[in-house]
PDB file of N, CA and C in Angstrom:
ATOM      1  N   GLN A   1     -36.232 -14.954 -36.454  1.00  0.00           N
ATOM      2  CA  GLN A   1     -37.236 -15.544 -35.654  1.00  0.00           C
ATOM      3  C   GLN A   1     -37.292 -17.204 -35.721  1.00  0.00           C
ATOM      4  N   VAL A   2     -37.441 -17.885 -34.891  1.00  0.00           N
ATOM      5  CA  VAL A   2     -37.654 -19.178 -35.026  1.00  0.00           C
ATOM      6  C   VAL A   2     -39.011 -19.636 -34.931  1.00  0.00           C
ATOM      7  N   GLN A   3     -39.245 -20.504 -36.025  1.00  0.00           N
ATOM      8  CA  GLN A   3     -40.633 -21.005 -36.154  1.00  0.00           C
ATOM      9  C   GLN A   3     -41.241 -22.186 -35.247  1.00  0.00           C
ATOM     10  N   LEU A   4     -42.132 -22.083 -34.595  1.00  0.00           N
ATOM     11  CA  LEU A   4     -42.502 -23.202 -33.578  1.00  0.00           C
ATOM     12  C   LEU A   4     -43.693 -24.195 -33.754  1.00  0.00           C
ATOM     13  N   VAL A   5     -43.704 -25.197 -33.760  1.00  0.00           N
ATOM     14  CA  VAL A   5     -44.752 -26.235 -34.087  1.00  0.00           C
ATOM     15  C   VAL A   5     -45.152 -27.107 -33.095  1.00  0.00           C
ATOM     16  N   GLU A   6     -46.280 -26.942 -32.177  1.00  0.00           N
ATOM     17  CA  GLU A   6     -46.617 -27.725 -31.208  1.00  0.00           C
ATOM     18  C   GLU A   6     -47.405 -29.004 -31.558  1.00  0.00           C
ATOM     19  N   SER A   7     -47.210 -30.120 -30.689  1.00  0.00           N
ATOM     20  CA  SER A   7     -47.983 -31.390 -30.973  1.00  0.00           C
ATOM     21  C   SER A   7     -48.030 -31.924 -29.790  1.00  0.00           C
ATOM     22  N   GLY A   8     -48.946 -33.108 -29.671  1.00  0.00           N
ATOM     23  CA  GLY A   8     -49.216 -33.992 -28.829  1.00  0.00           C
ATOM     24  C   GLY A   8     -50.495 -33.755 -27.614  1.00  0.00           C
ATOM     25  N   GLY A   9     -51.287 -32.859 -28.211  1.00  0.00           N
ATOM     26  CA  GLY A   9     -52.529 -32.530 -27.543  1.00  0.00           C
ATOM     27  C   GLY A   9     -53.655 -33.560 -27.804  1.00  0.00           C
ATOM     28  N   GLY A  10     -54.551 -33.475 -27.260  1.00  0.00           N
ATOM     29  CA  GLY A  10     -55.812 -34.315 -27.245  1.00  0.00           C
ATOM     30  C   GLY A  10     -56.809 -34.244 -26.212  1.00  0.00           C
ATOM     31  N   LEU A  11     -57.409 -35.403 -26.182  1.00  0.00           N
ATOM     32  CA  LEU A  11     -58.268 -35.569 -25.128  1.00  0.00           C
ATOM     33  C   LEU A  11     -58.273 -36.684 -24.185  1.00  0.00           C
ATOM     34  N   VAL A  12     -57.954 -36.425 -22.831  1.00  0.00           N
ATOM     35  CA  VAL A  12     -57.764 -37.425 -22.164  1.00  0.00           C
ATOM     36  C   VAL A  12     -58.659 -37.364 -20.645  1.00  0.00           C
ATOM     37  N   GLN A  13     -58.589 -38.438 -20.055  1.00  0.00           N
ATOM     38  CA  GLN A  13     -59.259 -38.704 -18.683  1.00  0.00           C
ATOM     39  C   GLN A  13     -58.653 -37.777 -17.598  1.00  0.00           C
ATOM     40  N   ALA A  14     -59.454 -37.492 -16.444  1.00  0.00           N
ATOM     41  CA  ALA A  14     -58.629 -36.707 -15.309  1.00  0.00           C
ATOM     42  C   ALA A  14     -57.728 -37.960 -14.728  1.00  0.00           C
ATOM     43  N   GLY A  15     -56.597 -37.391 -14.597  1.00  0.00           N
ATOM     44  CA  GLY A  15     -55.664 -38.565 -14.092  1.00  0.00           C
ATOM     45  C   GLY A  15     -54.697 -39.237 -14.985  1.00  0.00           C
ATOM     46  N   GLY A  16     -54.843 -38.850 -16.216  1.00  0.00           N
ATOM     47  CA  GLY A  16     -54.104 -39.199 -17.158  1.00  0.00           C
ATOM     48  C   GLY A  16     -52.773 -38.448 -17.654  1.00  0.00           C
ATOM     49  N   SER A  17     -52.235 -38.755 -18.514  1.00  0.00           N
ATOM     50  CA  SER A  17     -50.878 -38.244 -18.979  1.00  0.00           C
ATOM     51  C   SER A  17     -51.011 -37.809 -20.620  1.00  0.00           C
ATOM     52  N   LEU A  18     -50.269 -36.640 -20.974  1.00  0.00           N
ATOM     53  CA  LEU A  18     -50.107 -36.180 -22.155  1.00  0.00           C
ATOM     54  C   LEU A  18     -48.457 -35.835 -22.112  1.00  0.00           C
ATOM     55  N   ARG A  19     -48.016 -35.924 -23.280  1.00  0.00           N
ATOM     56  CA  ARG A  19     -46.696 -35.413 -23.670  1.00  0.00           C
ATOM     57  C   ARG A  19     -46.597 -34.466 -24.713  1.00  0.00           C
ATOM     58  N   LEU A  20     -46.647 -33.258 -24.724  1.00  0.00           N
ATOM     59  CA  LEU A  20     -46.440 -32.305 -25.655  1.00  0.00           C
ATOM     60  C   LEU A  20     -45.044 -31.924 -26.345  1.00  0.00           C
ATOM     61  N   SER A  21     -44.823 -31.838 -27.491  1.00  0.00           N
ATOM     62  CA  SER A  21     -43.661 -31.636 -28.237  1.00  0.00           C
ATOM     63  C   SER A  21     -43.682 -29.899 -28.686  1.00  0.00           C
ATOM     64  N   CYS A  22     -42.623 -29.394 -28.744  1.00  0.00           N
ATOM     65  CA  CYS A  22     -42.605 -28.341 -29.678  1.00  0.00           C
ATOM     66  C   CYS A  22     -41.364 -28.024 -30.324  1.00  0.00           C
ATOM     67  N   ALA A  23     -41.435 -28.312 -31.759  1.00  0.00           N
ATOM     68  CA  ALA A  23     -40.323 -28.606 -32.818  1.00  0.00           C
ATOM     69  C   ALA A  23     -40.248 -27.014 -33.264  1.00  0.00           C
ATOM     70  N   ALA A  24     -38.762 -26.777 -33.119  1.00  0.00           N
ATOM     71  CA  ALA A  24     -38.342 -25.499 -33.473  1.00  0.00           C
ATOM     72  C   ALA A  24     -37.842 -25.696 -35.056  1.00  0.00           C
ATOM     73  N   SER A  25     -37.631 -24.613 -35.744  1.00  0.00           N
ATOM     74  CA  SER A  25     -37.308 -24.477 -37.332  1.00  0.00           C
ATOM     75  C   SER A  25     -35.742 -24.516 -37.256  1.00  0.00           C
ATOM     76  N   ARG A  26     -35.022 -24.037 -36.324  1.00  0.00           N
ATOM     77  CA  ARG A  26     -33.456 -23.941 -36.027  1.00  0.00           C
ATOM     78  C   ARG A  26     -33.284 -24.177 -34.622  1.00  0.00           C
ATOM     79  N   SER A  27     -31.687 -24.084 -34.672  1.00  0.00           N
ATOM     80  CA  SER A  27     -31.205 -24.581 -33.219  1.00  0.00           C
ATOM     81  C   SER A  27     -31.870 -23.658 -32.090  1.00  0.00           C
ATOM     82  N   ILE A  28     -32.092 -24.321 -31.043  1.00  0.00           N
ATOM     83  CA  ILE A  28     -32.687 -23.482 -29.691  1.00  0.00           C
ATOM     84  C   ILE A  28     -31.463 -23.146 -29.013  1.00  0.00           C
ATOM     85  N   SER A  29     -30.467 -23.633 -28.935  1.00  0.00           N
ATOM     86  CA  SER A  29     -29.555 -23.767 -27.984  1.00  0.00           C
ATOM     87  C   SER A  29     -28.999 -22.472 -27.245  1.00  0.00           C
ATOM     88  N   SER A  30     -29.407 -21.599 -28.151  1.00  0.00           N
ATOM     89  CA  SER A  30     -28.781 -19.947 -27.893  1.00  0.00           C
ATOM     90  C   SER A  30     -30.016 -19.246 -27.662  1.00  0.00           C
ATOM     91  N   ILE A  31     -31.121 -19.934 -27.725  1.00  0.00           N
ATOM     92  CA  ILE A  31     -32.425 -19.116 -27.218  1.00  0.00           C
ATOM     93  C   ILE A  31     -32.443 -18.815 -25.773  1.00  0.00           C
ATOM     94  N   ASN A  32     -32.954 -17.736 -25.190  1.00  0.00           N
ATOM     95  CA  ASN A  32     -32.678 -17.240 -23.854  1.00  0.00           C
ATOM     96  C   ASN A  32     -33.457 -18.375 -23.037  1.00  0.00           C
ATOM     97  N   ALA A  33     -34.800 -18.466 -23.260  1.00  0.00           N
ATOM     98  CA  ALA A  33     -35.733 -19.247 -22.873  1.00  0.00           C
ATOM     99  C   ALA A  33     -36.508 -19.923 -23.567  1.00  0.00           C
ATOM    100  N   MET A  34     -37.059 -21.082 -23.188  1.00  0.00           N
ATOM    101  CA  MET A  34     -38.269 -21.762 -23.886  1.00  0.00           C
ATOM    102  C   MET A  34     -39.290 -21.829 -22.908  1.00  0.00           C
ATOM    103  N   GLY A  35     -40.399 -21.583 -23.566  1.00  0.00           N
ATOM    104  CA  GLY A  35     -41.385 -22.110 -22.292  1.00  0.00           C
ATOM    105  C   GLY A  35     -42.951 -22.638 -23.092  1.00  0.00           C
ATOM    106  N   TRP A  36     -43.637 -23.043 -22.162  1.00  0.00           N
ATOM    107  CA  TRP A  36     -44.975 -23.431 -22.289  1.00  0.00           C
ATOM    108  C   TRP A  36     -46.243 -22.376 -21.360  1.00  0.00           C
ATOM    109  N   TYR A  37     -47.135 -22.207 -22.366  1.00  0.00           N
ATOM    110  CA  TYR A  37     -48.110 -21.235 -21.988  1.00  0.00           C
ATOM    111  C   TYR A  37     -49.406 -21.922 -22.191  1.00  0.00           C
ATOM    112  N   ARG A  38     -50.327 -21.510 -21.683  1.00  0.00           N
ATOM    113  CA  ARG A  38     -51.789 -21.740 -21.735  1.00  0.00           C
ATOM    114  C   ARG A  38     -52.946 -20.659 -21.595  1.00  0.00           C
ATOM    115  N   GLN A  39     -53.754 -21.040 -22.402  1.00  0.00           N
ATOM    116  CA  GLN A  39     -54.997 -20.127 -21.970  1.00  0.00           C
ATOM    117  C   GLN A  39     -56.298 -21.104 -22.183  1.00  0.00           C
ATOM    118  N   GLY A  40     -56.893 -21.159 -21.073  1.00  0.00           N
ATOM    119  CA  GLY A  40     -58.246 -21.886 -20.956  1.00  0.00           C
ATOM    120  C   GLY A  40     -59.356 -20.735 -21.321  1.00  0.00           C
ATOM    121  N   PRO A  41     -60.401 -21.941 -21.412  1.00  0.00           N
ATOM    122  CA  PRO A  41     -61.928 -20.934 -21.867  1.00  0.00           C
ATOM    123  C   PRO A  41     -62.084 -20.026 -21.057  1.00  0.00           C
ATOM    124  N   GLY A  42     -62.316 -18.554 -21.701  1.00  0.00           N
ATOM    125  CA  GLY A  42     -62.333 -17.420 -20.785  1.00  0.00           C
ATOM    126  C   GLY A  42     -61.545 -16.902 -19.978  1.00  0.00           C
ATOM    127  N   LYS A  43     -60.204 -17.393 -20.167  1.00  0.00           N
ATOM    128  CA  LYS A  43     -59.272 -16.948 -19.167  1.00  0.00           C
ATOM    129  C   LYS A  43     -58.133 -16.315 -20.082  1.00  0.00           C
ATOM    130  N   GLN A  44     -57.322 -15.627 -19.328  1.00  0.00           N
ATOM    131  CA  GLN A  44     -55.995 -15.008 -20.026  1.00  0.00           C
ATOM    132  C   GLN A  44     -55.060 -15.974 -20.278  1.00  0.00           C
ATOM    133  N   ARG A  45     -54.098 -15.832 -21.184  1.00  0.00           N
ATOM    134  CA  ARG A  45     -53.136 -16.804 -21.161  1.00  0.00           C
ATOM    135  C   ARG A  45     -51.900 -16.747 -19.926  1.00  0.00           C
ATOM    136  N   GLU A  46     -51.574 -17.970 -19.660  1.00  0.00           N
ATOM    137  CA  GLU A  46     -50.747 -17.990 -18.275  1.00  0.00           C
ATOM    138  C   GLU A  46     -49.412 -18.925 -18.542  1.00  0.00           C
ATOM    139  N   VAL A  47     -48.448 -18.523 -17.808  1.00  0.00           N
ATOM    140  CA  VAL A  47     -47.379 -19.337 -17.911  1.00  0.00           C
ATOM    141  C   VAL A  47     -47.444 -20.599 -17.293  1.00  0.00           C
ATOM    142  N   VAL A  48     -47.042 -21.765 -17.747  1.00  0.00           N
ATOM    143  CA  VAL A  48     -46.834 -22.948 -17.393  1.00  0.00           C
ATOM    144  C   VAL A  48     -45.652 -23.275 -16.687  1.00  0.00           C
ATOM    145  N   ALA A  49     -44.837 -23.267 -17.737  1.00  0.00           N
ATOM    146  CA  ALA A  49     -43.168 -23.833 -17.261  1.00  0.00           C
ATOM    147  C   ALA A  49     -42.262 -23.038 -18.182  1.00  0.00           C
ATOM    148  N   VAL A  50     -41.128 -22.810 -17.568  1.00  0.00           N
ATOM    149  CA  VAL A  50     -40.016 -22.373 -18.599  1.00  0.00           C
ATOM    150  C   VAL A  50     -38.642 -22.813 -18.107  1.00  0.00           C
ATOM    151  N   ILE A  51     -37.954 -23.102 -19.247  1.00  0.00           N
ATOM    152  CA  ILE A  51     -36.658 -23.441 -18.882  1.00  0.00           C
ATOM    153  C   ILE A  51     -35.640 -22.430 -19.900  1.00  0.00           C
ATOM    154  N   THR A  52     -34.532 -22.149 -19.336  1.00  0.00           N
ATOM    155  CA  THR A  52     -33.624 -21.246 -19.965  1.00  0.00           C
ATOM    156  C   THR A  52     -32.462 -21.880 -20.432  1.00  0.00           C
ATOM    157  N   SER A  53     -31.730 -21.328 -21.378  1.00  0.00           N
ATOM    158  CA  SER A  53     -30.483 -21.823 -21.927  1.00  0.00           C
ATOM    159  C   SER A  53     -29.680 -22.489 -20.911  1.00  0.00           C
ATOM    160  N   SER A  54     -29.386 -22.173 -19.835  1.00  0.00           N
ATOM    161  CA  SER A  54     -28.579 -22.823 -18.772  1.00  0.00           C
ATOM    162  C   SER A  54     -29.039 -23.393 -18.146  1.00  0.00           C
ATOM    163  N   GLY A  55     -30.836 -24.215 -18.203  1.00  0.00           N
ATOM    164  CA  GLY A  55     -31.019 -25.208 -17.729  1.00  0.00           C
ATOM    165  C   GLY A  55     -32.031 -24.823 -16.512  1.00  0.00           C
ATOM    166  N   ARG A  56     -32.208 -23.796 -15.905  1.00  0.00           N
ATOM    167  CA  ARG A  56     -32.888 -23.285 -14.873  1.00  0.00           C
ATOM    168  C   ARG A  56     -34.371 -23.479 -15.361  1.00  0.00           C
ATOM    169  N   ILE A  57     -34.983 -23.967 -14.718  1.00  0.00           N
ATOM    170  CA  ILE A  57     -36.476 -24.241 -14.624  1.00  0.00           C
ATOM    171  C   ILE A  57     -37.297 -23.604 -13.599  1.00  0.00           C
ATOM    172  N   ASN A  58     -38.579 -23.117 -14.066  1.00  0.00           N
ATOM    173  CA  ASN A  58     -39.629 -22.482 -13.288  1.00  0.00           C
ATOM    174  C   ASN A  58     -40.864 -22.956 -13.710  1.00  0.00           C
ATOM    175  N   TYR A  59     -41.935 -23.311 -12.594  1.00  0.00           N
ATOM    176  CA  TYR A  59     -42.993 -23.856 -13.072  1.00  0.00           C
ATOM    177  C   TYR A  59     -44.503 -23.008 -12.502  1.00  0.00           C
ATOM    178  N   ALA A  60     -45.397 -23.102 -12.838  1.00  0.00           N
ATOM    179  CA  ALA A  60     -46.407 -22.242 -12.171  1.00  0.00           C
ATOM    180  C   ALA A  60     -46.883 -23.332 -10.974  1.00  0.00           C
ATOM    181  N   ASP A  61     -47.222 -22.590 -10.009  1.00  0.00           N
ATOM    182  CA  ASP A  61     -47.529 -23.222  -8.709  1.00  0.00           C
ATOM    183  C   ASP A  61     -48.641 -24.459  -9.075  1.00  0.00           C
ATOM    184  N   SER A  62     -49.592 -24.284  -9.782  1.00  0.00           N
ATOM    185  CA  SER A  62     -50.645 -25.128 -10.076  1.00  0.00           C
ATOM    186  C   SER A  62     -50.208 -26.355 -10.857  1.00  0.00           C
ATOM    187  N   VAL A  63     -49.139 -26.514 -11.208  1.00  0.00           N
ATOM    188  CA  VAL A  63     -48.524 -27.711 -12.231  1.00  0.00           C
ATOM    189  C   VAL A  63     -47.244 -28.415 -11.329  1.00  0.00           C
ATOM    190  N   LYS A  64     -46.743 -27.608 -10.260  1.00  0.00           N
ATOM    191  CA  LYS A  64     -45.277 -28.076  -9.821  1.00  0.00           C
ATOM    192  C   LYS A  64     -45.903 -29.662  -9.160  1.00  0.00           C
ATOM    193  N   GLY A  65     -45.002 -30.490  -9.391  1.00  0.00           N
ATOM    194  CA  GLY A  65     -44.916 -32.022  -9.195  1.00  0.00           C
ATOM    195  C   GLY A  65     -45.916 -32.561  -9.947  1.00  0.00           C
ATOM    196  N   ARG A  66     -46.481 -32.076 -11.052  1.00  0.00           N
ATOM    197  CA  ARG A  66     -47.129 -32.850 -12.292  1.00  0.00           C
ATOM    198  C   ARG A  66     -46.768 -32.846 -13.274  1.00  0.00           C
ATOM    199  N   PHE A  67     -45.945 -31.657 -13.674  1.00  0.00           N
ATOM    200  CA  PHE A  67     -45.526 -31.264 -15.290  1.00  0.00           C
ATOM    201  C   PHE A  67     -44.234 -31.195 -15.120  1.00  0.00           C
ATOM    202  N   THR A  68     -43.512 -31.862 -16.098  1.00  0.00           N
ATOM    203  CA  THR A  68     -41.925 -31.510 -16.584  1.00  0.00           C
ATOM    204  C   THR A  68     -41.678 -30.835 -17.561  1.00  0.00           C
ATOM    205  N   ILE A  69     -40.981 -29.770 -17.979  1.00  0.00           N
ATOM    206  CA  ILE A  69     -40.313 -29.292 -18.856  1.00  0.00           C
ATOM    207  C   ILE A  69     -39.019 -29.680 -19.363  1.00  0.00           C
ATOM    208  N   SER A  70     -38.706 -30.349 -20.532  1.00  0.00           N
ATOM    209  CA  SER A  70     -37.422 -30.391 -20.866  1.00  0.00           C
ATOM    210  C   SER A  70     -37.053 -30.007 -22.199  1.00  0.00           C
ATOM    211  N   ARG A  71     -35.740 -30.052 -22.695  1.00  0.00           N
ATOM    212  CA  ARG A  71     -35.425 -29.548 -23.930  1.00  0.00           C
ATOM    213  C   ARG A  71     -34.020 -30.353 -24.375  1.00  0.00           C
ATOM    214  N   ASP A  72     -34.224 -30.797 -25.831  1.00  0.00           N
ATOM    215  CA  ASP A  72     -33.625 -31.574 -26.368  1.00  0.00           C
ATOM    216  C   ASP A  72     -32.760 -30.748 -27.305  1.00  0.00           C
ATOM    217  N   ASN A  73     -31.877 -30.004 -27.144  1.00  0.00           N
ATOM    218  CA  ASN A  73     -30.798 -29.087 -28.295  1.00  0.00           C
ATOM    219  C   ASN A  73     -30.689 -29.660 -29.274  1.00  0.00           C
ATOM    220  N   GLY A  74     -30.279 -30.805 -29.248  1.00  0.00           N
ATOM    221  CA  GLY A  74     -29.791 -31.642 -30.567  1.00  0.00           C
ATOM    222  C   GLY A  74     -30.944 -31.838 -31.256  1.00  0.00           C
ATOM    223  N   LYS A  75     -31.992 -32.178 -30.879  1.00  0.00           N
ATOM    224  CA  LYS A  75     -33.516 -32.275 -31.733  1.00  0.00           C
ATOM    225  C   LYS A  75     -34.142 -30.736 -31.985  1.00  0.00           C
ATOM    226  N   ASN A  76     -33.621 -29.872 -31.655  1.00  0.00           N
ATOM    227  CA  ASN A  76     -34.297 -28.513 -31.510  1.00  0.00           C
ATOM    228  C   ASN A  76     -35.821 -28.437 -30.990  1.00  0.00           C
ATOM    229  N   THR A  77     -36.170 -29.150 -29.825  1.00  0.00           N
ATOM    230  CA  THR A  77     -37.426 -29.424 -29.405  1.00  0.00           C
ATOM    231  C   THR A  77     -37.462 -29.408 -27.945  1.00  0.00           C
ATOM    232  N   VAL A  78     -38.698 -28.968 -27.597  1.00  0.00           N
ATOM    233  CA  VAL A  78     -38.987 -28.883 -25.989  1.00  0.00           C
ATOM    234  C   VAL A  78     -40.118 -29.679 -25.671  1.00  0.00           C
ATOM    235  N   TYR A  79     -40.200 -30.494 -24.532  1.00  0.00           N
ATOM    236  CA  TYR A  79     -41.138 -31.064 -24.284  1.00  0.00           C
ATOM    237  C   TYR A  79     -41.999 -30.586 -23.042  1.00  0.00           C
ATOM    238  N   LEU A  80     -43.159 -30.999 -22.743  1.00  0.00           N
ATOM    239  CA  LEU A  80     -43.833 -30.774 -21.466  1.00  0.00           C
ATOM    240  C   LEU A  80     -44.697 -31.929 -21.324  1.00  0.00           C
ATOM    241  N   GLN A  81     -44.022 -32.724 -20.273  1.00  0.00           N
ATOM    242  CA  GLN A  81     -44.615 -34.164 -19.661  1.00  0.00           C
ATOM    243  C   GLN A  81     -45.811 -33.752 -18.737  1.00  0.00           C
ATOM    244  N   MET A  82     -46.972 -33.942 -18.991  1.00  0.00           N
ATOM    245  CA  MET A  82     -48.215 -33.604 -18.173  1.00  0.00           C
ATOM    246  C   MET A  82     -48.681 -34.627 -17.654  1.00  0.00           C
ATOM    247  N   ASN A  83     -48.519 -35.079 -16.423  1.00  0.00           N
ATOM    248  CA  ASN A  83     -49.138 -36.517 -15.476  1.00  0.00           C
ATOM    249  C   ASN A  83     -50.124 -35.845 -14.463  1.00  0.00           C
ATOM    250  N   SER A  84     -50.967 -36.558 -14.064  1.00  0.00           N
ATOM    251  CA  SER A  84     -52.129 -36.257 -13.283  1.00  0.00           C
ATOM    252  C   SER A  84     -52.639 -35.378 -13.595  1.00  0.00           C
ATOM    253  N   LEU A  85     -53.297 -35.225 -14.810  1.00  0.00           N
ATOM    254  CA  LEU A  85     -54.151 -34.096 -15.560  1.00  0.00           C
ATOM    255  C   LEU A  85     -55.629 -33.970 -14.814  1.00  0.00           C
ATOM    256  N   LYS A  86     -55.745 -32.740 -14.588  1.00  0.00           N
ATOM    257  CA  LYS A  86     -56.919 -32.336 -13.924  1.00  0.00           C
ATOM    258  C   LYS A  86     -57.844 -31.484 -14.981  1.00  0.00           C
ATOM    259  N   PRO A  87     -59.347 -31.465 -14.833  1.00  0.00           N
ATOM    260  CA  PRO A  87     -60.162 -30.866 -15.932  1.00  0.00           C
ATOM    261  C   PRO A  87     -59.878 -29.441 -15.873  1.00  0.00           C
ATOM    262  N   GLU A  88     -59.086 -28.733 -14.942  1.00  0.00           N
ATOM    263  CA  GLU A  88     -58.869 -27.383 -14.917  1.00  0.00           C
ATOM    264  C   GLU A  88     -57.291 -27.265 -15.818  1.00  0.00           C
ATOM    265  N   ASP A  89     -57.028 -28.215 -16.011  1.00  0.00           N
ATOM    266  CA  ASP A  89     -56.016 -28.288 -17.354  1.00  0.00           C
ATOM    267  C   ASP A  89     -56.189 -27.882 -18.683  1.00  0.00           C
ATOM    268  N   THR A  90     -57.331 -28.078 -18.615  1.00  0.00           N
ATOM    269  CA  THR A  90     -57.647 -28.125 -20.027  1.00  0.00           C
ATOM    270  C   THR A  90     -57.706 -26.514 -20.457  1.00  0.00           C
ATOM    271  N   ALA A  91     -57.040 -26.494 -21.886  1.00  0.00           N
ATOM    272  CA  ALA A  91     -56.679 -25.255 -22.384  1.00  0.00           C
ATOM    273  C   ALA A  91     -55.906 -25.480 -23.782  1.00  0.00           C
ATOM    274  N   VAL A  92     -55.827 -24.242 -24.506  1.00  0.00           N
ATOM    275  CA  VAL A  92     -54.884 -24.480 -25.575  1.00  0.00           C
ATOM    276  C   VAL A  92     -53.558 -24.196 -25.103  1.00  0.00           C
ATOM    277  N   TYR A  93     -52.517 -25.153 -25.599  1.00  0.00           N
ATOM    278  CA  TYR A  93     -51.219 -24.792 -24.894  1.00  0.00           C
ATOM    279  C   TYR A  93     -50.076 -24.343 -26.060  1.00  0.00           C
ATOM    280  N   TYR A  94     -49.435 -23.354 -25.792  1.00  0.00           N
ATOM    281  CA  TYR A  94     -48.528 -22.377 -26.566  1.00  0.00           C
ATOM    282  C   TYR A  94     -47.129 -22.739 -26.178  1.00  0.00           C
ATOM    283  N   CYS A  95     -46.285 -23.079 -27.124  1.00  0.00           N
ATOM    284  CA  CYS A  95     -44.860 -23.096 -27.020  1.00  0.00           C
ATOM    285  C   CYS A  95     -44.258 -21.586 -27.167  1.00  0.00           C
ATOM    286  N   ASN A  96     -43.344 -21.220 -26.568  1.00  0.00           N
ATOM    287  CA  ASN A  96     -42.917 -19.814 -26.794  1.00  0.00           C
ATOM    288  C   ASN A  96     -41.114 -19.639 -26.482  1.00  0.00           C
ATOM    289  N   ALA A  97     -40.812 -18.977 -27.463  1.00  0.00           N
ATOM    290  CA  ALA A  97     -39.304 -18.581 -27.456  1.00  0.00           C
ATOM    291  C   ALA A  97     -38.952 -17.223 -27.098  1.00  0.00           C
ATOM    292  N   ALA A  98     -38.033 -16.984 -26.121  1.00  0.00           N
ATOM    293  CA  ALA A  98     -37.951 -15.682 -25.616  1.00  0.00           C
ATOM    294  C   ALA A  98     -36.349 -15.499 -25.888  1.00  0.00           C
ATOM    295  N   TYR A  99     -35.931 -14.379 -26.602  1.00  0.00           N
ATOM    296  CA  TYR A  99     -34.882 -14.052 -26.790  1.00  0.00           C
ATOM    297  C   TYR A  99     -34.202 -13.111 -25.948  1.00  0.00           C
ATOM    298  N   SER A 100     -32.825 -13.076 -25.898  1.00  0.00           N
ATOM    299  CA  SER A 100     -31.956 -12.056 -25.070  1.00  0.00           C
ATOM    300  C   SER A 100     -31.839 -10.825 -25.532  1.00  0.00           C
ATOM    301  N   ASP A 101     -32.451 -10.436 -26.880  1.00  0.00           N
ATOM    302  CA  ASP A 101     -32.158  -9.128 -27.213  1.00  0.00           C
ATOM    303  C   ASP A 101     -33.603  -8.455 -27.503  1.00  0.00           C
ATOM    304  N   SER A 102     -33.859  -7.635 -28.431  1.00  0.00           N
ATOM    305  CA  SER A 102     -35.167  -6.506 -28.388  1.00  0.00           C
ATOM    306  C   SER A 102     -35.829  -7.380 -29.146  1.00  0.00           C
ATOM    307  N   ARG A 103     -35.736  -8.595 -29.645  1.00  0.00           N
ATOM    308  CA  ARG A 103     -36.805  -9.333 -30.599  1.00  0.00           C
ATOM    309  C   ARG A 103     -37.979  -9.810 -29.963  1.00  0.00           C
ATOM    310  N   ALA A 104     -39.083  -9.613 -30.599  1.00  0.00           N
ATOM    311  CA  ALA A 104     -40.377 -10.072 -29.983  1.00  0.00           C
ATOM    312  C   ALA A 104     -40.062 -11.544 -29.818  1.00  0.00           C
ATOM    313  N   ASP A 105     -40.889 -11.853 -28.825  1.00  0.00           N
ATOM    314  CA  ASP A 105     -40.996 -13.474 -28.573  1.00  0.00           C
ATOM    315  C   ASP A 105     -41.665 -14.265 -29.900  1.00  0.00           C
ATOM    316  N   SER A 106     -41.459 -15.484 -30.005  1.00  0.00           N
ATOM    317  CA  SER A 106     -42.096 -16.411 -31.031  1.00  0.00           C
ATOM    318  C   SER A 106     -42.866 -17.203 -30.377  1.00  0.00           C
ATOM    319  N   TRP A 107     -44.066 -17.414 -30.930  1.00  0.00           N
ATOM    320  CA  TRP A 107     -45.218 -18.394 -30.650  1.00  0.00           C
ATOM    321  C   TRP A 107     -45.415 -19.768 -31.500  1.00  0.00           C
ATOM    322  N   GLY A 108     -45.929 -20.624 -31.019  1.00  0.00           N
ATOM    323  CA  GLY A 108     -46.312 -21.595 -31.910  1.00  0.00           C
ATOM    324  C   GLY A 108     -47.831 -21.384 -32.161  1.00  0.00           C
ATOM    325  N   GLN A 109     -48.505 -22.238 -32.832  1.00  0.00           N
ATOM    326  CA  GLN A 109     -50.056 -22.015 -33.239  1.00  0.00           C
ATOM    327  C   GLN A 109     -51.021 -22.816 -32.113  1.00  0.00           C
ATOM    328  N   GLY A 110     -50.390 -23.558 -31.241  1.00  0.00           N
ATOM    329  CA  GLY A 110     -51.087 -24.043 -29.923  1.00  0.00           C
ATOM    330  C   GLY A 110     -51.704 -25.194 -30.245  1.00  0.00           C
ATOM    331  N   THR A 111     -52.003 -26.180 -29.198  1.00  0.00           N
ATOM    332  CA  THR A 111     -52.430 -27.346 -29.266  1.00  0.00           C
ATOM    333  C   THR A 111     -53.349 -27.619 -28.240  1.00  0.00           C
ATOM    334  N   GLN A 112     -54.621 -28.112 -28.480  1.00  0.00           N
ATOM    335  CA  GLN A 112     -55.630 -28.211 -27.638  1.00  0.00           C
ATOM    336  C   GLN A 112     -55.380 -29.288 -26.586  1.00  0.00           C
ATOM    337  N   VAL A 113     -55.463 -29.044 -25.325  1.00  0.00           N
ATOM    338  CA  VAL A 113     -55.605 -30.202 -24.391  1.00  0.00           C
ATOM    339  C   VAL A 113     -57.039 -29.891 -23.512  1.00  0.00           C
ATOM    340  N   THR A 114     -57.477 -31.306 -23.523  1.00  0.00           N
ATOM    341  CA  THR A 114     -59.032 -31.264 -23.146  1.00  0.00           C
ATOM    342  C   THR A 114     -58.918 -32.392 -21.924  1.00  0.00           C
ATOM    343  N   VAL A 115     -59.284 -32.123 -20.729  1.00  0.00           N
ATOM    344  CA  VAL A 115     -58.982 -33.304 -19.527  1.00  0.00           C
ATOM    345  C   VAL A 115     -60.581 -33.447 -18.972  1.00  0.00           C
ATOM    346  N   SER A 116     -61.258 -34.605 -19.250  1.00  0.00           N
ATOM    347  CA  SER A 116     -62.487 -34.813 -18.904  1.00  0.00           C
ATOM    348  C   SER A 116     -62.551 -35.450 -17.606  1.00  0.00           C
ATOM    349  N   SER A 117     -63.817 -35.069 -16.681  1.00  0.00           N
ATOM    350  CA  SER A 117     -63.758 -35.543 -15.369  1.00  0.00           C
ATOM    351  C   SER A 117     -64.525 -36.753 -15.389  1.00  0.00           C
TER     352      SER A 117
END
């Protein structure tokens, strides 16, 4: 299993930007998919964005056009650029690694993003 550590969260005003980073303990080039999920107050965890090893990307409808996911295999890091942030984006953001075999997904510890109105 890969170990994942998120960073880059914080407090930002509505309309602002943040960039989250997810550093992996080893190479991510062969991991089937890397993704960002979030869990807001009183809500279930939901997918935000996913990027596969082949570069295919999917976004939640709520963040399309505002968030961009990318991966740097050379740095074993996945990023989430978040622009035009809204108060409803407030959540703990988690990095996820999904494998192509039967192993359970790996998760980071999460980073808090708070957007003030």
